[in-house]
PDB file of N, CA and C in Angstrom:
ATOM      1  N   UNK A   1       4.681 -28.123  12.250  1.00  0.00           N
ATOM      2  CA  UNK A   1       5.482 -26.993  11.847  1.00  0.00           C
ATOM      3  C   UNK A   1       5.067 -25.773  12.667  1.00  0.00           C
ATOM      4  N   UNK A   2       6.034 -25.059  13.165  1.00  0.00           N
ATOM      5  CA  UNK A   2       5.771 -23.871  13.977  1.00  0.00           C
ATOM      6  C   UNK A   2       5.555 -22.643  13.101  1.00  0.00           C
ATOM      7  N   UNK A   3       4.728 -21.735  13.588  1.00  0.00           N
ATOM      8  CA  UNK A   3       4.524 -20.458  12.909  1.00  0.00           C
ATOM      9  C   UNK A   3       5.711 -19.561  13.240  1.00  0.00           C
ATOM     10  N   UNK A   4       6.291 -18.937  12.226  1.00  0.00           N
ATOM     11  CA  UNK A   4       7.436 -18.048  12.444  1.00  0.00           C
ATOM     12  C   UNK A   4       7.222 -16.731  11.720  1.00  0.00           C
ATOM     13  N   UNK A   5       7.758 -15.663  12.294  1.00  0.00           N
ATOM     14  CA  UNK A   5       7.752 -14.346  11.679  1.00  0.00           C
ATOM     15  C   UNK A   5       8.956 -14.265  10.744  1.00  0.00           C
ATOM     16  N   UNK A   6       8.741 -13.866   9.495  1.00  0.00           N
ATOM     17  CA  UNK A   6       9.821 -13.854   8.512  1.00  0.00           C
ATOM     18  C   UNK A   6      10.363 -12.462   8.268  1.00  0.00           C
ATOM     19  N   UNK A   7       9.510 -11.458   8.094  1.00  0.00           N
ATOM     20  CA  UNK A   7      10.017 -10.140   7.747  1.00  0.00           C
ATOM     21  C   UNK A   7       8.992  -9.048   7.989  1.00  0.00           C
ATOM     22  N   UNK A   8       9.478  -7.821   7.989  1.00  0.00           N
ATOM     23  CA  UNK A   8       8.641  -6.624   8.030  1.00  0.00           C
ATOM     24  C   UNK A   8       9.185  -5.666   6.989  1.00  0.00           C
ATOM     25  N   UNK A   9       8.307  -4.878   6.401  1.00  0.00           N
ATOM     26  CA  UNK A   9       8.714  -3.922   5.378  1.00  0.00           C
ATOM     27  C   UNK A   9       7.737  -2.762   5.438  1.00  0.00           C
ATOM     28  N   UNK A  10       8.193  -1.576   5.153  1.00  0.00           N
ATOM     29  CA  UNK A  10       7.329  -0.414   5.155  1.00  0.00           C
ATOM     30  C   UNK A  10       7.330   0.272   3.811  1.00  0.00           C
ATOM     31  N   UNK A  11       6.221   0.928   3.494  1.00  0.00           N
ATOM     32  CA  UNK A  11       6.116   1.688   2.258  1.00  0.00           C
ATOM     33  C   UNK A  11       5.121   2.812   2.492  1.00  0.00           C
ATOM     34  N   UNK A  12       5.213   3.844   1.701  1.00  0.00           N
ATOM     35  CA  UNK A  12       4.307   4.970   1.821  1.00  0.00           C
ATOM     36  C   UNK A  12       3.760   5.319   0.450  1.00  0.00           C
ATOM     37  N   UNK A  13       2.442   5.509   0.375  1.00  0.00           N
ATOM     38  CA  UNK A  13       1.810   5.881  -0.882  1.00  0.00           C
ATOM     39  C   UNK A  13       1.962   7.365  -1.170  1.00  0.00           C
ATOM     40  N   UNK A  14       1.669   7.726  -2.383  1.00  0.00           N
ATOM     41  CA  UNK A  14       1.754   9.118  -2.817  1.00  0.00           C
ATOM     42  C   UNK A  14       0.366   9.740  -2.830  1.00  0.00           C
ATOM     43  N   UNK A  15       0.259  10.986  -2.377  1.00  0.00           N
ATOM     44  CA  UNK A  15      -1.011  11.698  -2.412  1.00  0.00           C
ATOM     45  C   UNK A  15      -1.555  11.805  -3.824  1.00  0.00           C
ATOM     46  N   UNK A  16      -2.846  11.590  -3.993  1.00  0.00           N
ATOM     47  CA  UNK A  16      -3.492  11.689  -5.298  1.00  0.00           C
ATOM     48  C   UNK A  16      -3.441  10.413  -6.110  1.00  0.00           C
ATOM     49  N   UNK A  17      -2.613   9.447  -5.709  1.00  0.00           N
ATOM     50  CA  UNK A  17      -2.480   8.203  -6.441  1.00  0.00           C
ATOM     51  C   UNK A  17      -3.333   7.139  -5.759  1.00  0.00           C
ATOM     52  N   UNK A  18      -4.243   6.472  -6.497  1.00  0.00           N
ATOM     53  CA  UNK A  18      -5.122   5.494  -5.857  1.00  0.00           C
ATOM     54  C   UNK A  18      -4.466   4.143  -5.558  1.00  0.00           C
ATOM     55  N   UNK A  19      -3.187   3.974  -5.891  1.00  0.00           N
ATOM     56  CA  UNK A  19      -2.516   2.713  -5.590  1.00  0.00           C
ATOM     57  C   UNK A  19      -1.043   2.960  -5.302  1.00  0.00           C
ATOM     58  N   UNK A  20      -0.430   1.990  -4.620  1.00  0.00           N
ATOM     59  CA  UNK A  20       1.010   2.019  -4.439  1.00  0.00           C
ATOM     60  C   UNK A  20       1.532   0.595  -4.400  1.00  0.00           C
ATOM     61  N   UNK A  21       2.811   0.444  -4.676  1.00  0.00           N
ATOM     62  CA  UNK A  21       3.447  -0.864  -4.803  1.00  0.00           C
ATOM     63  C   UNK A  21       4.661  -0.918  -3.893  1.00  0.00           C
ATOM     64  N   UNK A  22       4.891  -2.089  -3.295  1.00  0.00           N
ATOM     65  CA  UNK A  22       6.084  -2.300  -2.482  1.00  0.00           C
ATOM     66  C   UNK A  22       6.542  -3.745  -2.631  1.00  0.00           C
ATOM     67  N   UNK A  23       7.808  -3.969  -2.357  1.00  0.00           N
ATOM     68  CA  UNK A  23       8.392  -5.304  -2.488  1.00  0.00           C
ATOM     69  C   UNK A  23       8.396  -6.022  -1.152  1.00  0.00           C
ATOM     70  N   UNK A  24       8.120  -7.312  -1.185  1.00  0.00           N
ATOM     71  CA  UNK A  24       8.355  -8.184  -0.041  1.00  0.00           C
ATOM     72  C   UNK A  24       9.769  -8.710  -0.254  1.00  0.00           C
ATOM     73  N   UNK A  25      10.678  -8.342   0.631  1.00  0.00           N
ATOM     74  CA  UNK A  25      12.107  -8.557   0.375  1.00  0.00           C
ATOM     75  C   UNK A  25      12.572  -9.999   0.492  1.00  0.00           C
ATOM     76  N   UNK A  26      11.871 -10.823   1.262  1.00  0.00           N
ATOM     77  CA  UNK A  26      12.205 -12.246   1.343  1.00  0.00           C
ATOM     78  C   UNK A  26      11.218 -12.999   0.461  1.00  0.00           C
ATOM     79  N   UNK A  27      11.701 -13.812  -0.496  1.00  0.00           N
ATOM     80  CA  UNK A  27      10.763 -14.527  -1.371  1.00  0.00           C
ATOM     81  C   UNK A  27       9.769 -15.374  -0.582  1.00  0.00           C
ATOM     82  N   UNK A  28       8.525 -15.395  -1.058  1.00  0.00           N
ATOM     83  CA  UNK A  28       7.482 -16.203  -0.434  1.00  0.00           C
ATOM     84  C   UNK A  28       7.753 -17.687  -0.683  1.00  0.00           C
ATOM     85  N   UNK A  29       7.380 -18.516   0.276  1.00  0.00           N
ATOM     86  CA  UNK A  29       7.525 -19.964   0.153  1.00  0.00           C
ATOM     87  C   UNK A  29       6.176 -20.552  -0.219  1.00  0.00           C
ATOM     88  N   UNK A  30       6.156 -21.396  -1.248  1.00  0.00           N
ATOM     89  CA  UNK A  30       4.906 -21.966  -1.750  1.00  0.00           C
ATOM     90  C   UNK A  30       4.104 -22.627  -0.646  1.00  0.00           C
ATOM     91  N   UNK A  31       2.804 -22.366  -0.647  1.00  0.00           N
ATOM     92  CA  UNK A  31       1.889 -22.999   0.279  1.00  0.00           C
ATOM     93  C   UNK A  31       1.732 -22.309   1.621  1.00  0.00           C
ATOM     94  N   UNK A  32       2.568 -21.327   1.923  1.00  0.00           N
ATOM     95  CA  UNK A  32       2.495 -20.644   3.208  1.00  0.00           C
ATOM     96  C   UNK A  32       1.350 -19.626   3.241  1.00  0.00           C
ATOM     97  N   UNK A  33       1.183 -18.990   4.398  1.00  0.00           N
ATOM     98  CA  UNK A  33       0.219 -17.908   4.584  1.00  0.00           C
ATOM     99  C   UNK A  33       1.009 -16.604   4.633  1.00  0.00           C
ATOM    100  N   UNK A  34       0.493 -15.562   3.987  1.00  0.00           N
ATOM    101  CA  UNK A  34       1.129 -14.241   4.040  1.00  0.00           C
ATOM    102  C   UNK A  34       0.103 -13.223   4.528  1.00  0.00           C
ATOM    103  N   UNK A  35       0.578 -12.281   5.348  1.00  0.00           N
ATOM    104  CA  UNK A  35      -0.263 -11.211   5.874  1.00  0.00           C
ATOM    105  C   UNK A  35       0.300  -9.863   5.449  1.00  0.00           C
ATOM    106  N   UNK A  36      -0.577  -8.910   5.170  1.00  0.00           N
ATOM    107  CA  UNK A  36      -0.204  -7.535   4.872  1.00  0.00           C
ATOM    108  C   UNK A  36      -0.999  -6.646   5.831  1.00  0.00           C
ATOM    109  N   UNK A  37      -0.291  -5.853   6.620  1.00  0.00           N
ATOM    110  CA  UNK A  37      -0.943  -4.905   7.521  1.00  0.00           C
ATOM    111  C   UNK A  37      -0.818  -3.515   6.907  1.00  0.00           C
ATOM    112  N   UNK A  38      -1.935  -2.790   6.835  1.00  0.00           N
ATOM    113  CA  UNK A  38      -1.956  -1.459   6.232  1.00  0.00           C
ATOM    114  C   UNK A  38      -2.500  -0.446   7.232  1.00  0.00           C
ATOM    115  N   UNK A  39      -1.856   0.687   7.319  1.00  0.00           N
ATOM    116  CA  UNK A  39      -2.352   1.799   8.102  1.00  0.00           C
ATOM    117  C   UNK A  39      -2.537   2.991   7.179  1.00  0.00           C
ATOM    118  N   UNK A  40      -3.633   3.723   7.328  1.00  0.00           N
ATOM    119  CA  UNK A  40      -3.894   4.869   6.457  1.00  0.00           C
ATOM    120  C   UNK A  40      -4.580   5.962   7.258  1.00  0.00           C
ATOM    121  N   UNK A  41      -4.435   7.196   6.767  1.00  0.00           N
ATOM    122  CA  UNK A  41      -4.873   8.358   7.541  1.00  0.00           C
ATOM    123  C   UNK A  41      -6.154   9.005   7.033  1.00  0.00           C
ATOM    124  N   UNK A  42      -6.858   8.353   6.130  1.00  0.00           N
ATOM    125  CA  UNK A  42      -8.132   8.880   5.637  1.00  0.00           C
ATOM    126  C   UNK A  42      -9.077   7.702   5.490  1.00  0.00           C
ATOM    127  N   UNK A  43      -9.936   7.469   6.491  1.00  0.00           N
ATOM    128  CA  UNK A  43     -10.789   6.286   6.416  1.00  0.00           C
ATOM    129  C   UNK A  43     -11.936   6.436   5.413  1.00  0.00           C
ATOM    130  N   UNK A  44     -11.990   7.565   4.697  1.00  0.00           N
ATOM    131  CA  UNK A  44     -12.916   7.717   3.583  1.00  0.00           C
ATOM    132  C   UNK A  44     -12.322   7.181   2.286  1.00  0.00           C
ATOM    133  N   UNK A  45     -11.041   6.900   2.293  1.00  0.00           N
ATOM    134  CA  UNK A  45     -10.326   6.347   1.137  1.00  0.00           C
ATOM    135  C   UNK A  45      -9.675   5.056   1.627  1.00  0.00           C
ATOM    136  N   UNK A  46     -10.365   3.933   1.456  1.00  0.00           N
ATOM    137  CA  UNK A  46      -9.913   2.668   2.033  1.00  0.00           C
ATOM    138  C   UNK A  46      -9.367   1.727   0.962  1.00  0.00           C
ATOM    139  N   UNK A  47      -8.496   0.800   1.348  1.00  0.00           N
ATOM    140  CA  UNK A  47      -7.997  -0.196   0.399  1.00  0.00           C
ATOM    141  C   UNK A  47      -9.136  -1.084  -0.102  1.00  0.00           C
ATOM    142  N   UNK A  48      -9.115  -1.368  -1.411  1.00  0.00           N
ATOM    143  CA  UNK A  48     -10.135  -2.238  -2.004  1.00  0.00           C
ATOM    144  C   UNK A  48      -9.549  -3.553  -2.502  1.00  0.00           C
ATOM    145  N   UNK A  49      -8.291  -3.538  -2.939  1.00  0.00           N
ATOM    146  CA  UNK A  49      -7.647  -4.772  -3.393  1.00  0.00           C
ATOM    147  C   UNK A  49      -6.175  -4.776  -2.991  1.00  0.00           C
ATOM    148  N   UNK A  50      -5.683  -5.979  -2.722  1.00  0.00           N
ATOM    149  CA  UNK A  50      -4.264  -6.208  -2.457  1.00  0.00           C
ATOM    150  C   UNK A  50      -3.883  -7.446  -3.263  1.00  0.00           C
ATOM    151  N   UNK A  51      -3.000  -7.267  -4.240  1.00  0.00           N
ATOM    152  CA  UNK A  51      -2.559  -8.359  -5.116  1.00  0.00           C
ATOM    153  C   UNK A  51      -1.046  -8.272  -5.284  1.00  0.00           C
ATOM    154  N   UNK A  52      -0.455  -9.359  -5.756  1.00  0.00           N
ATOM    155  CA  UNK A  52       0.973  -9.295  -6.053  1.00  0.00           C
ATOM    156  C   UNK A  52       1.261  -9.811  -7.458  1.00  0.00           C
ATOM    157  N   UNK A  53       2.503  -9.677  -7.862  1.00  0.00           N
ATOM    158  CA  UNK A  53       2.919 -10.053  -9.208  1.00  0.00           C
ATOM    159  C   UNK A  53       2.948 -11.566  -9.429  1.00  0.00           C
ATOM    160  N   UNK A  54       2.792 -12.358  -8.370  1.00  0.00           N
ATOM    161  CA  UNK A  54       2.801 -13.818  -8.483  1.00  0.00           C
ATOM    162  C   UNK A  54       1.401 -14.392  -8.674  1.00  0.00           C
ATOM    163  N   UNK A  55       0.391 -13.514  -8.676  1.00  0.00           N
ATOM    164  CA  UNK A  55      -0.983 -13.968  -8.815  1.00  0.00           C
ATOM    165  C   UNK A  55      -1.689 -14.213  -7.496  1.00  0.00           C
ATOM    166  N   UNK A  56      -1.029 -13.903  -6.376  1.00  0.00           N
ATOM    167  CA  UNK A  56      -1.671 -14.029  -5.067  1.00  0.00           C
ATOM    168  C   UNK A  56      -2.637 -12.865  -4.880  1.00  0.00           C
ATOM    169  N   UNK A  57      -3.880 -13.168  -4.537  1.00  0.00           N
ATOM    170  CA  UNK A  57      -4.883 -12.153  -4.245  1.00  0.00           C
ATOM    171  C   UNK A  57      -5.230 -12.252  -2.764  1.00  0.00           C
ATOM    172  N   UNK A  58      -4.977 -11.179  -2.029  1.00  0.00           N
ATOM    173  CA  UNK A  58      -5.186 -11.146  -0.592  1.00  0.00           C
ATOM    174  C   UNK A  58      -6.641 -10.813  -0.290  1.00  0.00           C
ATOM    175  N   UNK A  59      -7.160 -11.367   0.795  1.00  0.00           N
ATOM    176  CA  UNK A  59      -8.528 -11.100   1.255  1.00  0.00           C
ATOM    177  C   UNK A  59      -8.467 -10.258   2.525  1.00  0.00           C
ATOM    178  N   UNK A  60      -9.439  -9.362   2.673  1.00  0.00           N
ATOM    179  CA  UNK A  60      -9.509  -8.543   3.878  1.00  0.00           C
ATOM    180  C   UNK A  60      -9.885  -9.428   5.053  1.00  0.00           C
ATOM    181  N   UNK A  61      -9.045  -9.456   6.070  1.00  0.00           N
ATOM    182  CA  UNK A  61      -9.300 -10.234   7.272  1.00  0.00           C
ATOM    183  C   UNK A  61      -9.975  -9.375   8.343  1.00  0.00           C
ATOM    184  N   UNK A  62      -9.491  -8.132   8.517  1.00  0.00           N
ATOM    185  CA  UNK A  62     -10.037  -7.248   9.550  1.00  0.00           C
ATOM    186  C   UNK A  62      -9.782  -5.797   9.178  1.00  0.00           C
ATOM    187  N   UNK A  63     -10.794  -4.960   9.366  1.00  0.00           N
ATOM    188  CA  UNK A  63     -10.657  -3.514   9.162  1.00  0.00           C
ATOM    189  C   UNK A  63     -11.112  -2.810  10.431  1.00  0.00           C
ATOM    190  N   UNK A  64     -10.286  -1.886  10.913  1.00  0.00           N
ATOM    191  CA  UNK A  64     -10.631  -1.091  12.092  1.00  0.00           C
ATOM    192  C   UNK A  64     -10.545   0.384  11.706  1.00  0.00           C
ATOM    193  N   UNK A  65     -11.659   1.100  11.830  1.00  0.00           N
ATOM    194  CA  UNK A  65     -11.714   2.526  11.510  1.00  0.00           C
ATOM    195  C   UNK A  65     -11.969   3.312  12.790  1.00  0.00           C
ATOM    196  N   UNK A  66     -11.217   4.379  12.967  1.00  0.00           N
ATOM    197  CA  UNK A  66     -11.378   5.238  14.135  1.00  0.00           C
ATOM    198  C   UNK A  66     -11.030   6.661  13.737  1.00  0.00           C
ATOM    199  N   UNK A  67     -11.919   7.586  14.036  1.00  0.00           N
ATOM    200  CA  UNK A  67     -11.691   8.986  13.716  1.00  0.00           C
ATOM    201  C   UNK A  67     -11.355   9.113  12.239  1.00  0.00           C
ATOM    202  N   UNK A  68     -10.180   9.615  11.911  1.00  0.00           N
ATOM    203  CA  UNK A  68      -9.803   9.776  10.501  1.00  0.00           C
ATOM    204  C   UNK A  68      -8.734   8.771  10.087  1.00  0.00           C
ATOM    205  N   UNK A  69      -8.602   7.678  10.808  1.00  0.00           N
ATOM    206  CA  UNK A  69      -7.552   6.696  10.511  1.00  0.00           C
ATOM    207  C   UNK A  69      -8.149   5.296  10.353  1.00  0.00           C
ATOM    208  N   UNK A  70      -7.402   4.464   9.654  1.00  0.00           N
ATOM    209  CA  UNK A  70      -7.831   3.088   9.486  1.00  0.00           C
ATOM    210  C   UNK A  70      -6.645   2.140   9.505  1.00  0.00           C
ATOM    211  N   UNK A  71      -6.931   0.914   9.874  1.00  0.00           N
ATOM    212  CA  UNK A  71      -5.938  -0.147   9.869  1.00  0.00           C
ATOM    213  C   UNK A  71      -6.596  -1.397   9.310  1.00  0.00           C
ATOM    214  N   UNK A  72      -5.925  -2.031   8.360  1.00  0.00           N
ATOM    215  CA  UNK A  72      -6.429  -3.261   7.758  1.00  0.00           C
ATOM    216  C   UNK A  72      -5.422  -4.377   7.944  1.00  0.00           C
ATOM    217  N   UNK A  73      -5.936  -5.609   7.980  1.00  0.00           N
ATOM    218  CA  UNK A  73      -5.108  -6.797   7.922  1.00  0.00           C
ATOM    219  C   UNK A  73      -5.641  -7.650   6.776  1.00  0.00           C
ATOM    220  N   UNK A  74      -4.786  -7.896   5.790  1.00  0.00           N
ATOM    221  CA  UNK A  74      -5.124  -8.694   4.612  1.00  0.00           C
ATOM    222  C   UNK A  74      -4.302  -9.976   4.668  1.00  0.00           C
ATOM    223  N   UNK A  75      -4.832 -11.065   4.095  1.00  0.00           N
ATOM    224  CA  UNK A  75      -4.091 -12.317   4.108  1.00  0.00           C
ATOM    225  C   UNK A  75      -4.392 -13.154   2.883  1.00  0.00           C
ATOM    226  N   UNK A  76      -3.502 -14.098   2.633  1.00  0.00           N
ATOM    227  CA  UNK A  76      -3.689 -15.072   1.562  1.00  0.00           C
ATOM    228  C   UNK A  76      -3.089 -16.385   2.042  1.00  0.00           C
ATOM    229  N   UNK A  77      -3.753 -17.477   1.729  1.00  0.00           N
ATOM    230  CA  UNK A  77      -3.241 -18.800   2.082  1.00  0.00           C
ATOM    231  C   UNK A  77      -2.767 -19.514   0.829  1.00  0.00           C
ATOM    232  N   UNK A  78      -1.866 -20.456   0.997  1.00  0.00           N
ATOM    233  CA  UNK A  78      -1.368 -21.233  -0.138  1.00  0.00           C
ATOM    234  C   UNK A  78      -0.686 -20.379  -1.187  1.00  0.00           C
ATOM    235  N   UNK A  79       0.203 -19.490  -0.763  1.00  0.00           N
ATOM    236  CA  UNK A  79       0.815 -18.532  -1.678  1.00  0.00           C
ATOM    237  C   UNK A  79       1.640 -19.204  -2.764  1.00  0.00           C
ATOM    238  N   UNK A  80       1.706 -18.528  -3.894  1.00  0.00           N
ATOM    239  CA  UNK A  80       2.645 -18.911  -4.944  1.00  0.00           C
ATOM    240  C   UNK A  80       4.027 -18.445  -4.503  1.00  0.00           C
ATOM    241  N   UNK A  81       5.054 -19.201  -4.857  1.00  0.00           N
ATOM    242  CA  UNK A  81       6.409 -18.915  -4.394  1.00  0.00           C
ATOM    243  C   UNK A  81       7.114 -17.880  -5.265  1.00  0.00           C
ATOM    244  N   UNK A  82       8.042 -17.155  -4.640  1.00  0.00           N
ATOM    245  CA  UNK A  82       8.901 -16.247  -5.377  1.00  0.00           C
ATOM    246  C   UNK A  82       9.009 -14.879  -4.760  1.00  0.00           C
ATOM    247  N   UNK A  83       9.787 -14.033  -5.415  1.00  0.00           N
ATOM    248  CA  UNK A  83       9.933 -12.638  -5.004  1.00  0.00           C
ATOM    249  C   UNK A  83       8.641 -11.913  -5.346  1.00  0.00           C
ATOM    250  N   UNK A  84       8.064 -11.249  -4.370  1.00  0.00           N
ATOM    251  CA  UNK A  84       6.732 -10.668  -4.531  1.00  0.00           C
ATOM    252  C   UNK A  84       6.768  -9.148  -4.486  1.00  0.00           C
ATOM    253  N   UNK A  85       6.042  -8.534  -5.422  1.00  0.00           N
ATOM    254  CA  UNK A  85       5.800  -7.104  -5.410  1.00  0.00           C
ATOM    255  C   UNK A  85       4.295  -6.926  -5.242  1.00  0.00           C
ATOM    256  N   UNK A  86       3.891  -6.272  -4.156  1.00  0.00           N
ATOM    257  CA  UNK A  86       2.483  -6.140  -3.794  1.00  0.00           C
ATOM    258  C   UNK A  86       1.953  -4.776  -4.241  1.00  0.00           C
ATOM    259  N   UNK A  87       0.752  -4.764  -4.806  1.00  0.00           N
ATOM    260  CA  UNK A  87       0.071  -3.524  -5.185  1.00  0.00           C
ATOM    261  C   UNK A  87      -1.205  -3.404  -4.373  1.00  0.00           C
ATOM    262  N   UNK A  88      -1.347  -2.272  -3.691  1.00  0.00           N
ATOM    263  CA  UNK A  88      -2.536  -1.955  -2.898  1.00  0.00           C
ATOM    264  C   UNK A  88      -3.300  -0.868  -3.638  1.00  0.00           C
ATOM    265  N   UNK A  89      -4.583  -1.100  -3.876  1.00  0.00           N
ATOM    266  CA  UNK A  89      -5.437  -0.120  -4.563  1.00  0.00           C
ATOM    267  C   UNK A  89      -6.497   0.381  -3.592  1.00  0.00           C
ATOM    268  N   UNK A  90      -6.676   1.703  -3.566  1.00  0.00           N
ATOM    269  CA  UNK A  90      -7.654   2.349  -2.694  1.00  0.00           C
ATOM    270  C   UNK A  90      -8.874   2.773  -3.494  1.00  0.00           C
ATOM    271  N   UNK A  91      -9.954   3.145  -2.797  1.00  0.00           N
ATOM    272  CA  UNK A  91     -11.196   3.569  -3.455  1.00  0.00           C
ATOM    273  C   UNK A  91     -10.967   4.780  -4.355  1.00  0.00           C
ATOM    274  N   UNK A  92     -10.027   5.646  -4.002  1.00  0.00           N
ATOM    275  CA  UNK A  92      -9.663   6.792  -4.841  1.00  0.00           C
ATOM    276  C   UNK A  92      -8.339   7.331  -4.339  1.00  0.00           C
ATOM    277  N   UNK A  93      -7.791   8.275  -5.067  1.00  0.00           N
ATOM    278  CA  UNK A  93      -6.563   8.910  -4.626  1.00  0.00           C
ATOM    279  C   UNK A  93      -6.876   9.998  -3.617  1.00  0.00           C
ATOM    280  N   UNK A  94      -5.995  10.193  -2.690  1.00  0.00           N
ATOM    281  CA  UNK A  94      -6.137  11.263  -1.695  1.00  0.00           C
ATOM    282  C   UNK A  94      -5.370  12.481  -2.190  1.00  0.00           C
ATOM    283  N   UNK A  95      -6.001  13.633  -2.152  1.00  0.00           N
ATOM    284  CA  UNK A  95      -5.331  14.823  -2.677  1.00  0.00           C
ATOM    285  C   UNK A  95      -4.263  15.316  -1.737  1.00  0.00           C
TER     286      UNK A  95
END
């Protein structure tokens, strides 16, 4: 089976809120791998958990911090199937 790109989606968190939620618009297929890429502008306030409403818990694959910015790549293998709403929680809210 070939690896294929399925979708991209963007979301923006709210200042002061330690978490935000976004929908994955194409339902996940059972058993596949899913990746979540996050970019943020305060590397003192970093993501701590990425979970979805289907019970999938993502693991941090790679974190890159530079100056006042950060980029993370989170992943999960063997996903549960269905329409997914992902919640990202940070160490604290940014004012």
